PDB file of all heavy atoms in Angstrom:
ATOM      1  N   LEU A   1    -150.070 277.723 143.889  1.00  0.00           N
ATOM      2  CA  LEU A   1    -151.542 277.658 143.794  1.00  0.00           C
ATOM      3  C   LEU A   1    -151.916 277.866 142.279  1.00  0.00           C
ATOM      4  O   LEU A   1    -151.618 278.941 141.720  1.00  0.00           O
ATOM      5  CB  LEU A   1    -152.213 278.708 144.581  1.00  0.00           C
ATOM      6  CG  LEU A   1    -152.018 278.570 146.149  1.00  0.00           C
ATOM      7  CD1 LEU A   1    -152.642 279.771 146.834  1.00  0.00           C
ATOM      8  CD2 LEU A   1    -152.698 277.271 146.585  1.00  0.00           C
ATOM      9  N   ALA A   2    -152.523 276.854 141.695  1.00  0.00           N
ATOM     10  CA  ALA A   2    -152.856 276.892 140.252  1.00  0.00           C
ATOM     11  C   ALA A   2    -154.347 277.121 140.120  1.00  0.00           C
ATOM     12  O   ALA A   2    -155.208 276.481 140.761  1.00  0.00           O
ATOM     13  CB  ALA A   2    -152.467 275.578 139.659  1.00  0.00           C
ATOM     14  N   VAL A   3    -154.673 278.056 139.223  1.00  0.00           N
ATOM     15  CA  VAL A   3    -156.051 278.166 138.745  1.00  0.00           C
ATOM     16  C   VAL A   3    -155.979 278.576 137.236  1.00  0.00           C
ATOM     17  O   VAL A   3    -154.852 278.886 136.731  1.00  0.00           O
ATOM     18  CB  VAL A   3    -156.845 279.332 139.441  1.00  0.00           C
ATOM     19  CG1 VAL A   3    -156.966 279.049 140.942  1.00  0.00           C
ATOM     20  CG2 VAL A   3    -156.210 280.750 139.244  1.00  0.00           C
ATOM     21  N   ASP A   4    -157.104 278.543 136.576  1.00  0.00           N
ATOM     22  CA  ASP A   4    -157.209 279.041 135.206  1.00  0.00           C
ATOM     23  C   ASP A   4    -157.148 280.525 135.260  1.00  0.00           C
ATOM     24  O   ASP A   4    -158.031 281.239 135.788  1.00  0.00           O
ATOM     25  CB  ASP A   4    -158.590 278.575 134.687  1.00  0.00           C
ATOM     26  CG  ASP A   4    -158.863 279.076 133.264  1.00  0.00           C
ATOM     27  OD1 ASP A   4    -158.062 279.919 132.729  1.00  0.00           O
ATOM     28  OD2 ASP A   4    -159.955 278.667 132.773  1.00  0.00           O
ATOM     29  N   PRO A   5    -156.126 281.146 134.599  1.00  0.00           N
ATOM     30  CA  PRO A   5    -155.980 282.645 134.705  1.00  0.00           C
ATOM     31  C   PRO A   5    -157.055 283.423 133.990  1.00  0.00           C
ATOM     32  O   PRO A   5    -157.138 284.602 134.121  1.00  0.00           O
ATOM     33  CB  PRO A   5    -154.575 282.873 134.103  1.00  0.00           C
ATOM     34  CG  PRO A   5    -154.367 281.738 133.123  1.00  0.00           C
ATOM     35  CD  PRO A   5    -155.041 280.574 133.773  1.00  0.00           C
ATOM     36  N   VAL A   6    -157.804 282.756 133.072  1.00  0.00           N
ATOM     37  CA  VAL A   6    -158.865 283.396 132.331  1.00  0.00           C
ATOM     38  C   VAL A   6    -160.139 283.389 133.146  1.00  0.00           C
ATOM     39  O   VAL A   6    -161.116 284.144 132.854  1.00  0.00           O
ATOM     40  CB  VAL A   6    -159.039 282.717 130.944  1.00  0.00           C
ATOM     41  CG1 VAL A   6    -160.159 283.386 130.146  1.00  0.00           C
ATOM     42  CG2 VAL A   6    -157.727 282.827 130.204  1.00  0.00           C
ATOM     43  N   ASN A   7    -160.255 282.542 134.134  1.00  0.00           N
ATOM     44  CA  ASN A   7    -161.422 282.453 135.018  1.00  0.00           C
ATOM     45  C   ASN A   7    -161.241 283.451 136.163  1.00  0.00           C
ATOM     46  O   ASN A   7    -160.565 283.246 137.107  1.00  0.00           O
ATOM     47  CB  ASN A   7    -161.600 281.043 135.597  1.00  0.00           C
ATOM     48  CG  ASN A   7    -162.794 280.870 136.378  1.00  0.00           C
ATOM     49  OD1 ASN A   7    -163.286 281.742 137.107  1.00  0.00           O
ATOM     50  ND2 ASN A   7    -163.371 279.638 136.374  1.00  0.00           N
ATOM     51  N   LEU A   8    -161.928 284.635 136.035  1.00  0.00           N
ATOM     52  CA  LEU A   8    -161.665 285.712 136.975  1.00  0.00           C
ATOM     53  C   LEU A   8    -162.188 285.373 138.402  1.00  0.00           C
ATOM     54  O   LEU A   8    -161.591 285.814 139.329  1.00  0.00           O
ATOM     55  CB  LEU A   8    -162.385 287.011 136.472  1.00  0.00           C
ATOM     56  CG  LEU A   8    -161.790 287.558 135.139  1.00  0.00           C
ATOM     57  CD1 LEU A   8    -162.467 288.852 134.779  1.00  0.00           C
ATOM     58  CD2 LEU A   8    -160.271 287.718 135.213  1.00  0.00           C
ATOM     59  N   HIS A   9    -163.225 284.556 138.482  1.00  0.00           N
ATOM     60  CA  HIS A   9    -163.676 284.093 139.858  1.00  0.00           C
ATOM     61  C   HIS A   9    -162.560 283.281 140.483  1.00  0.00           C
ATOM     62  O   HIS A   9    -162.336 283.475 141.722  1.00  0.00           O
ATOM     63  CB  HIS A   9    -164.943 283.294 139.715  1.00  0.00           C
ATOM     64  CG  HIS A   9    -165.415 282.748 141.060  1.00  0.00           C
ATOM     65  ND1 HIS A   9    -165.883 283.514 142.042  1.00  0.00           N
ATOM     66  CD2 HIS A   9    -165.396 281.469 141.518  1.00  0.00           C
ATOM     67  CE1 HIS A   9    -166.203 282.804 143.089  1.00  0.00           C
ATOM     68  NE2 HIS A   9    -165.925 281.541 142.818  1.00  0.00           N
ATOM     69  N   ALA A  10    -161.944 282.433 139.743  1.00  0.00           N
ATOM     70  CA  ALA A  10    -160.847 281.588 140.269  1.00  0.00           C
ATOM     71  C   ALA A  10    -159.655 282.410 140.674  1.00  0.00           C
ATOM     72  O   ALA A  10    -159.057 282.215 141.741  1.00  0.00           O
ATOM     73  CB  ALA A  10    -160.427 280.519 139.286  1.00  0.00           C
ATOM     74  N   VAL A  11    -159.342 283.420 139.842  1.00  0.00           N
ATOM     75  CA  VAL A  11    -158.171 284.360 140.150  1.00  0.00           C
ATOM     76  C   VAL A  11    -158.513 285.089 141.498  1.00  0.00           C
ATOM     77  O   VAL A  11    -157.647 285.238 142.302  1.00  0.00           O
ATOM     78  CB  VAL A  11    -158.021 285.241 138.946  1.00  0.00           C
ATOM     79  CG1 VAL A  11    -157.049 286.398 139.405  1.00  0.00           C
ATOM     80  CG2 VAL A  11    -157.436 284.541 137.746  1.00  0.00           C
ATOM     81  N   GLU A  12    -159.732 285.513 141.577  1.00  0.00           N
ATOM     82  CA  GLU A  12    -160.140 286.275 142.800  1.00  0.00           C
ATOM     83  C   GLU A  12    -160.023 285.378 144.044  1.00  0.00           C
ATOM     84  O   GLU A  12    -159.613 285.933 145.123  1.00  0.00           O
ATOM     85  CB  GLU A  12    -161.500 286.847 142.646  1.00  0.00           C
ATOM     86  CG  GLU A  12    -161.866 287.938 143.584  1.00  0.00           C
ATOM     87  CD  GLU A  12    -160.907 289.159 143.422  1.00  0.00           C
ATOM     88  OE1 GLU A  12    -160.583 289.487 142.256  1.00  0.00           O
ATOM     89  OE2 GLU A  12    -160.477 289.706 144.497  1.00  0.00           O
ATOM     90  N   GLN A  13    -160.280 284.105 143.894  1.00  0.00           N
ATOM     91  CA  GLN A  13    -160.168 283.221 145.020  1.00  0.00           C
ATOM     92  C   GLN A  13    -158.744 283.224 145.592  1.00  0.00           C
ATOM     93  O   GLN A  13    -158.502 283.128 146.829  1.00  0.00           O
ATOM     94  CB  GLN A  13    -160.537 281.808 144.618  1.00  0.00           C
ATOM     95  CG  GLN A  13    -161.971 281.521 144.409  1.00  0.00           C
ATOM     96  CD  GLN A  13    -162.228 280.050 144.185  1.00  0.00           C
ATOM     97  OE1 GLN A  13    -162.200 279.206 145.025  1.00  0.00           O
ATOM     98  NE2 GLN A  13    -162.523 279.734 142.903  1.00  0.00           N
ATOM     99  N   ILE A  14    -157.713 283.267 144.711  1.00  0.00           N
ATOM    100  CA  ILE A  14    -156.365 283.276 145.151  1.00  0.00           C
ATOM    101  C   ILE A  14    -155.982 284.546 145.905  1.00  0.00           C
ATOM    102  O   ILE A  14    -155.366 284.523 146.954  1.00  0.00           O
ATOM    103  CB  ILE A  14    -155.382 283.062 143.993  1.00  0.00           C
ATOM    104  CG1 ILE A  14    -155.446 281.623 143.495  1.00  0.00           C
ATOM    105  CG2 ILE A  14    -153.973 283.451 144.368  1.00  0.00           C
ATOM    106  CD1 ILE A  14    -154.469 281.272 142.425  1.00  0.00           C
ATOM    107  N   TYR A  15    -156.475 285.678 145.323  1.00  0.00           N
ATOM    108  CA  TYR A  15    -156.185 286.982 146.101  1.00  0.00           C
ATOM    109  C   TYR A  15    -156.800 286.929 147.443  1.00  0.00           C
ATOM    110  O   TYR A  15    -156.264 287.405 148.438  1.00  0.00           O
ATOM    111  CB  TYR A  15    -156.749 288.150 145.262  1.00  0.00           C
ATOM    112  CG  TYR A  15    -155.831 288.576 144.135  1.00  0.00           C
ATOM    113  CD1 TYR A  15    -155.957 288.064 142.827  1.00  0.00           C
ATOM    114  CD2 TYR A  15    -154.800 289.484 144.398  1.00  0.00           C
ATOM    115  CE1 TYR A  15    -155.065 288.431 141.890  1.00  0.00           C
ATOM    116  CE2 TYR A  15    -153.932 289.906 143.434  1.00  0.00           C
ATOM    117  CZ  TYR A  15    -154.110 289.367 142.146  1.00  0.00           C
ATOM    118  OH  TYR A  15    -153.241 289.726 141.124  1.00  0.00           O
ATOM    119  N   GLN A  16    -158.019 286.409 147.632  1.00  0.00           N
ATOM    120  CA  GLN A  16    -158.685 286.356 148.902  1.00  0.00           C
ATOM    121  C   GLN A  16    -157.975 285.351 149.856  1.00  0.00           C
ATOM    122  O   GLN A  16    -157.841 285.628 151.018  1.00  0.00           O
ATOM    123  CB  GLN A  16    -160.138 286.012 148.704  1.00  0.00           C
ATOM    124  CG  GLN A  16    -160.981 287.062 147.952  1.00  0.00           C
ATOM    125  CD  GLN A  16    -162.417 286.613 147.751  1.00  0.00           C
ATOM    126  OE1 GLN A  16    -162.822 285.511 148.133  1.00  0.00           O
ATOM    127  NE2 GLN A  16    -163.161 287.448 147.048  1.00  0.00           N
ATOM    128  N   LEU A  17    -157.602 284.194 149.309  1.00  0.00           N
ATOM    129  CA  LEU A  17    -156.982 283.184 150.097  1.00  0.00           C
ATOM    130  C   LEU A  17    -155.681 283.650 150.689  1.00  0.00           C
ATOM    131  O   LEU A  17    -155.388 283.431 151.841  1.00  0.00           O
ATOM    132  CB  LEU A  17    -156.697 281.955 149.215  1.00  0.00           C
ATOM    133  CG  LEU A  17    -155.883 280.778 149.793  1.00  0.00           C
ATOM    134  CD1 LEU A  17    -156.607 280.150 150.946  1.00  0.00           C
ATOM    135  CD2 LEU A  17    -155.483 279.773 148.750  1.00  0.00           C
ATOM    136  N   LYS A  18    -154.912 284.381 149.929  1.00  0.00           N
ATOM    137  CA  LYS A  18    -153.585 284.830 150.304  1.00  0.00           C
ATOM    138  C   LYS A  18    -153.620 286.241 150.916  1.00  0.00           C
ATOM    139  O   LYS A  18    -152.593 286.766 151.307  1.00  0.00           O
ATOM    140  CB  LYS A  18    -152.591 284.769 149.198  1.00  0.00           C
ATOM    141  CG  LYS A  18    -152.285 283.323 148.717  1.00  0.00           C
ATOM    142  CD  LYS A  18    -151.033 283.289 147.878  1.00  0.00           C
ATOM    143  CE  LYS A  18    -149.830 283.784 148.645  1.00  0.00           C
ATOM    144  NZ  LYS A  18    -148.556 283.477 147.993  1.00  0.00           N
ATOM    145  N   THR A  19    -154.837 286.860 150.916  1.00  0.00           N
ATOM    146  CA  THR A  19    -154.917 288.284 151.263  1.00  0.00           C
ATOM    147  C   THR A  19    -153.827 289.035 150.526  1.00  0.00           C
ATOM    148  O   THR A  19    -153.168 289.920 151.061  1.00  0.00           O
ATOM    149  CB  THR A  19    -154.827 288.489 152.766  1.00  0.00           C
ATOM    150  OG1 THR A  19    -153.586 288.055 153.270  1.00  0.00           O
ATOM    151  CG2 THR A  19    -155.964 287.864 153.522  1.00  0.00           C
ATOM    152  N   ARG A  20    -153.702 288.701 149.232  1.00  0.00           N
ATOM    153  CA  ARG A  20    -152.671 289.305 148.411  1.00  0.00           C
ATOM    154  C   ARG A  20    -153.117 290.688 147.922  1.00  0.00           C
ATOM    155  O   ARG A  20    -154.311 290.952 147.639  1.00  0.00           O
ATOM    156  CB  ARG A  20    -152.481 288.388 147.137  1.00  0.00           C
ATOM    157  CG  ARG A  20    -151.275 288.851 146.255  1.00  0.00           C
ATOM    158  CD  ARG A  20    -151.197 287.855 145.094  1.00  0.00           C
ATOM    159  NE  ARG A  20    -150.089 288.209 144.134  1.00  0.00           N
ATOM    160  CZ  ARG A  20    -148.886 287.854 144.257  1.00  0.00           C
ATOM    161  NH1 ARG A  20    -148.503 287.125 145.282  1.00  0.00           N
ATOM    162  NH2 ARG A  20    -147.945 288.204 143.361  1.00  0.00           N
ATOM    163  N   GLN A  21    -152.188 291.618 147.924  1.00  0.00           N
ATOM    164  CA  GLN A  21    -152.465 292.993 147.454  1.00  0.00           C
ATOM    165  C   GLN A  21    -152.994 292.971 146.033  1.00  0.00           C
ATOM    166  O   GLN A  21    -152.414 292.291 145.130  1.00  0.00           O
ATOM    167  CB  GLN A  21    -151.224 293.865 147.533  1.00  0.00           C
ATOM    168  CG  GLN A  21    -150.778 294.103 148.987  1.00  0.00           C
ATOM    169  CD  GLN A  21    -149.478 294.858 149.079  1.00  0.00           C
ATOM    170  OE1 GLN A  21    -148.650 294.830 148.193  1.00  0.00           O
ATOM    171  NE2 GLN A  21    -149.318 295.596 150.202  1.00  0.00           N
ATOM    172  N   GLN A  22    -154.038 293.691 145.750  1.00  0.00           N
ATOM    173  CA  GLN A  22    -154.738 293.613 144.460  1.00  0.00           C
ATOM    174  C   GLN A  22    -153.929 294.158 143.296  1.00  0.00           C
ATOM    175  O   GLN A  22    -154.171 293.817 142.181  1.00  0.00           O
ATOM    176  CB  GLN A  22    -156.029 294.413 144.554  1.00  0.00           C
ATOM    177  CG  GLN A  22    -157.055 293.859 145.561  1.00  0.00           C
ATOM    178  CD  GLN A  22    -157.650 292.519 145.092  1.00  0.00           C
ATOM    179  OE1 GLN A  22    -157.923 292.351 143.856  1.00  0.00           O
ATOM    180  NE2 GLN A  22    -157.813 291.581 145.986  1.00  0.00           N
ATOM    181  N   HIS A  23    -152.874 294.957 143.589  1.00  0.00           N
ATOM    182  CA  HIS A  23    -152.065 295.450 142.464  1.00  0.00           C
ATOM    183  C   HIS A  23    -150.918 294.538 142.073  1.00  0.00           C
ATOM    184  O   HIS A  23    -150.183 294.827 141.141  1.00  0.00           O
ATOM    185  CB  HIS A  23    -151.499 296.836 142.878  1.00  0.00           C
ATOM    186  CG  HIS A  23    -150.448 296.778 143.928  1.00  0.00           C
ATOM    187  ND1 HIS A  23    -150.703 296.751 145.239  1.00  0.00           N
ATOM    188  CD2 HIS A  23    -149.086 296.742 143.875  1.00  0.00           C
ATOM    189  CE1 HIS A  23    -149.600 296.635 145.961  1.00  0.00           C
ATOM    190  NE2 HIS A  23    -148.619 296.685 145.119  1.00  0.00           N
ATOM    191  N   LYS A  24    -150.779 293.411 142.840  1.00  0.00           N
ATOM    192  CA  LYS A  24    -149.663 292.488 142.519  1.00  0.00           C
ATOM    193  C   LYS A  24    -150.128 291.426 141.557  1.00  0.00           C
ATOM    194  O   LYS A  24    -150.975 290.576 141.937  1.00  0.00           O
ATOM    195  CB  LYS A  24    -149.149 291.848 143.779  1.00  0.00           C
ATOM    196  CG  LYS A  24    -148.492 292.902 144.742  1.00  0.00           C
ATOM    197  CD  LYS A  24    -147.961 292.239 146.003  1.00  0.00           C
ATOM    198  CE  LYS A  24    -146.812 291.311 145.766  1.00  0.00           C
ATOM    199  NZ  LYS A  24    -146.221 290.800 147.045  1.00  0.00           N
ATOM    200  N   PRO A  25    -149.558 291.343 140.336  1.00  0.00           N
ATOM    201  CA  PRO A  25    -150.029 290.321 139.373  1.00  0.00           C
ATOM    202  C   PRO A  25    -149.555 288.949 139.808  1.00  0.00           C
ATOM    203  O   PRO A  25    -148.625 288.827 140.554  1.00  0.00           O
ATOM    204  CB  PRO A  25    -149.381 290.772 138.051  1.00  0.00           C
ATOM    205  CG  PRO A  25    -148.200 291.565 138.424  1.00  0.00           C
ATOM    206  CD  PRO A  25    -148.630 292.268 139.732  1.00  0.00           C
ATOM    207  N   LEU A  26    -150.245 287.947 139.307  1.00  0.00           N
ATOM    208  CA  LEU A  26    -149.924 286.556 139.568  1.00  0.00           C
ATOM    209  C   LEU A  26    -148.955 286.051 138.415  1.00  0.00           C
ATOM    210  O   LEU A  26    -149.214 286.349 137.271  1.00  0.00           O
ATOM    211  CB  LEU A  26    -151.174 285.709 139.561  1.00  0.00           C
ATOM    212  CG  LEU A  26    -152.218 286.023 140.648  1.00  0.00           C
ATOM    213  CD1 LEU A  26    -153.470 285.220 140.435  1.00  0.00           C
ATOM    214  CD2 LEU A  26    -151.644 285.800 142.067  1.00  0.00           C
ATOM    215  N   SER A  27    -147.916 285.311 138.795  1.00  0.00           N
ATOM    216  CA  SER A  27    -147.107 284.736 137.782  1.00  0.00           C
ATOM    217  C   SER A  27    -147.735 283.500 137.183  1.00  0.00           C
ATOM    218  O   SER A  27    -148.599 282.855 137.833  1.00  0.00           O
ATOM    219  CB  SER A  27    -145.762 284.362 138.382  1.00  0.00           C
ATOM    220  OG  SER A  27    -145.853 283.390 139.378  1.00  0.00           O
ATOM    221  N   LEU A  28    -147.334 283.135 135.957  1.00  0.00           N
ATOM    222  CA  LEU A  28    -148.017 282.029 135.230  1.00  0.00           C
ATOM    223  C   LEU A  28    -146.949 280.996 134.859  1.00  0.00           C
ATOM    224  O   LEU A  28    -145.823 281.346 134.478  1.00  0.00           O
ATOM    225  CB  LEU A  28    -148.681 282.570 133.976  1.00  0.00           C
ATOM    226  CG  LEU A  28    -149.790 283.632 134.172  1.00  0.00           C
ATOM    227  CD1 LEU A  28    -150.357 283.947 132.768  1.00  0.00           C
ATOM    228  CD2 LEU A  28    -150.908 283.093 135.072  1.00  0.00           C
ATOM    229  N   LEU A  29    -147.318 279.770 134.990  1.00  0.00           N
ATOM    230  CA  LEU A  29    -146.456 278.678 134.509  1.00  0.00           C
ATOM    231  C   LEU A  29    -146.911 278.315 133.045  1.00  0.00           C
ATOM    232  O   LEU A  29    -148.088 278.204 132.725  1.00  0.00           O
ATOM    233  CB  LEU A  29    -146.591 277.464 135.377  1.00  0.00           C
ATOM    234  CG  LEU A  29    -146.158 277.603 136.835  1.00  0.00           C
ATOM    235  CD1 LEU A  29    -146.309 276.264 137.568  1.00  0.00           C
ATOM    236  CD2 LEU A  29    -144.707 278.055 136.903  1.00  0.00           C
ATOM    237  N   ILE A  30    -145.956 278.172 132.168  1.00  0.00           N
ATOM    238  CA  ILE A  30    -146.198 277.768 130.796  1.00  0.00           C
ATOM    239  C   ILE A  30    -145.332 276.552 130.463  1.00  0.00           C
ATOM    240  O   ILE A  30    -144.485 276.119 131.267  1.00  0.00           O
ATOM    241  CB  ILE A  30    -145.908 278.967 129.825  1.00  0.00           C
ATOM    242  CG1 ILE A  30    -144.500 279.492 130.001  1.00  0.00           C
ATOM    243  CG2 ILE A  30    -146.920 280.101 130.060  1.00  0.00           C
ATOM    244  CD1 ILE A  30    -144.083 280.574 129.096  1.00  0.00           C
ATOM    245  N   ALA A  31    -145.544 276.067 129.223  1.00  0.00           N
ATOM    246  CA  ALA A  31    -144.865 274.845 128.867  1.00  0.00           C
ATOM    247  C   ALA A  31    -143.702 275.062 127.908  1.00  0.00           C
ATOM    248  O   ALA A  31    -142.882 274.217 127.691  1.00  0.00           O
ATOM    249  CB  ALA A  31    -145.833 273.832 128.248  1.00  0.00           C
ATOM    250  N   SER A  32    -143.638 276.288 127.263  1.00  0.00           N
ATOM    251  CA  SER A  32    -142.631 276.459 126.225  1.00  0.00           C
ATOM    252  C   SER A  32    -142.486 277.978 125.934  1.00  0.00           C
ATOM    253  O   SER A  32    -143.356 278.812 126.322  1.00  0.00           O
ATOM    254  CB  SER A  32    -143.056 275.791 124.917  1.00  0.00           C
ATOM    255  OG  SER A  32    -144.260 276.385 124.397  1.00  0.00           O
ATOM    256  N   LEU A  33    -141.367 278.305 125.241  1.00  0.00           N
ATOM    257  CA  LEU A  33    -141.148 279.696 124.774  1.00  0.00           C
ATOM    258  C   LEU A  33    -142.312 280.087 123.793  1.00  0.00           C
ATOM    259  O   LEU A  33    -142.741 281.227 123.771  1.00  0.00           O
ATOM    260  CB  LEU A  33    -139.823 279.876 124.147  1.00  0.00           C
ATOM    261  CG  LEU A  33    -139.491 281.232 123.538  1.00  0.00           C
ATOM    262  CD1 LEU A  33    -139.591 282.285 124.601  1.00  0.00           C
ATOM    263  CD2 LEU A  33    -138.130 281.205 122.884  1.00  0.00           C
TER     264      LEU A  33
END
Protein backbone atom coordinates (compact mmCIF):
# COMPACT_ATOMS: atom_id res chain seq x y z
CA LEU A 1 0.00 0.00 0.00
CA ALA A 2 1.60 3.20 -1.23
CA VAL A 3 0.91 6.70 0.06
CA ASP A 4 2.87 9.92 0.38
CA PRO A 5 4.61 9.51 3.77
CA VAL A 6 4.61 13.28 4.34
CA ASN A 7 0.81 13.43 3.99
CA LEU A 8 -0.31 12.56 7.50
CA HIS A 9 -3.95 12.10 6.49
CA ALA A 10 -2.87 9.53 3.88
CA VAL A 11 -0.63 7.78 6.42
CA GLU A 12 -3.53 7.60 8.87
CA GLN A 13 -5.70 5.99 6.18
CA ILE A 14 -3.30 3.04 6.05
CA TYR A 15 -3.33 2.56 9.81
CA GLN A 16 -7.14 2.57 9.79
CA LEU A 17 -7.39 0.31 6.73
CA LYS A 18 -5.13 -2.34 8.22
CA THR A 19 -6.14 -1.74 11.85
CA ARG A 20 -2.38 -1.49 12.29
CA GLN A 21 -0.98 -0.84 15.75
CA GLN A 22 -0.14 2.83 16.06
CA HIS A 23 3.36 2.22 17.41
CA LYS A 24 4.46 0.22 14.35
CA PRO A 25 6.20 2.40 11.74
CA LEU A 26 5.56 1.98 8.03
CA SER A 27 8.43 0.90 5.80
CA LEU A 28 9.32 3.08 2.82
CA LEU A 29 10.35 2.24 -0.72
CA ILE A 30 13.13 4.38 -2.17
CA ALA A 31 15.00 4.45 -5.46
CA SER A 32 18.65 4.58 -4.37
CA LEU A 33 21.15 4.62 -1.51
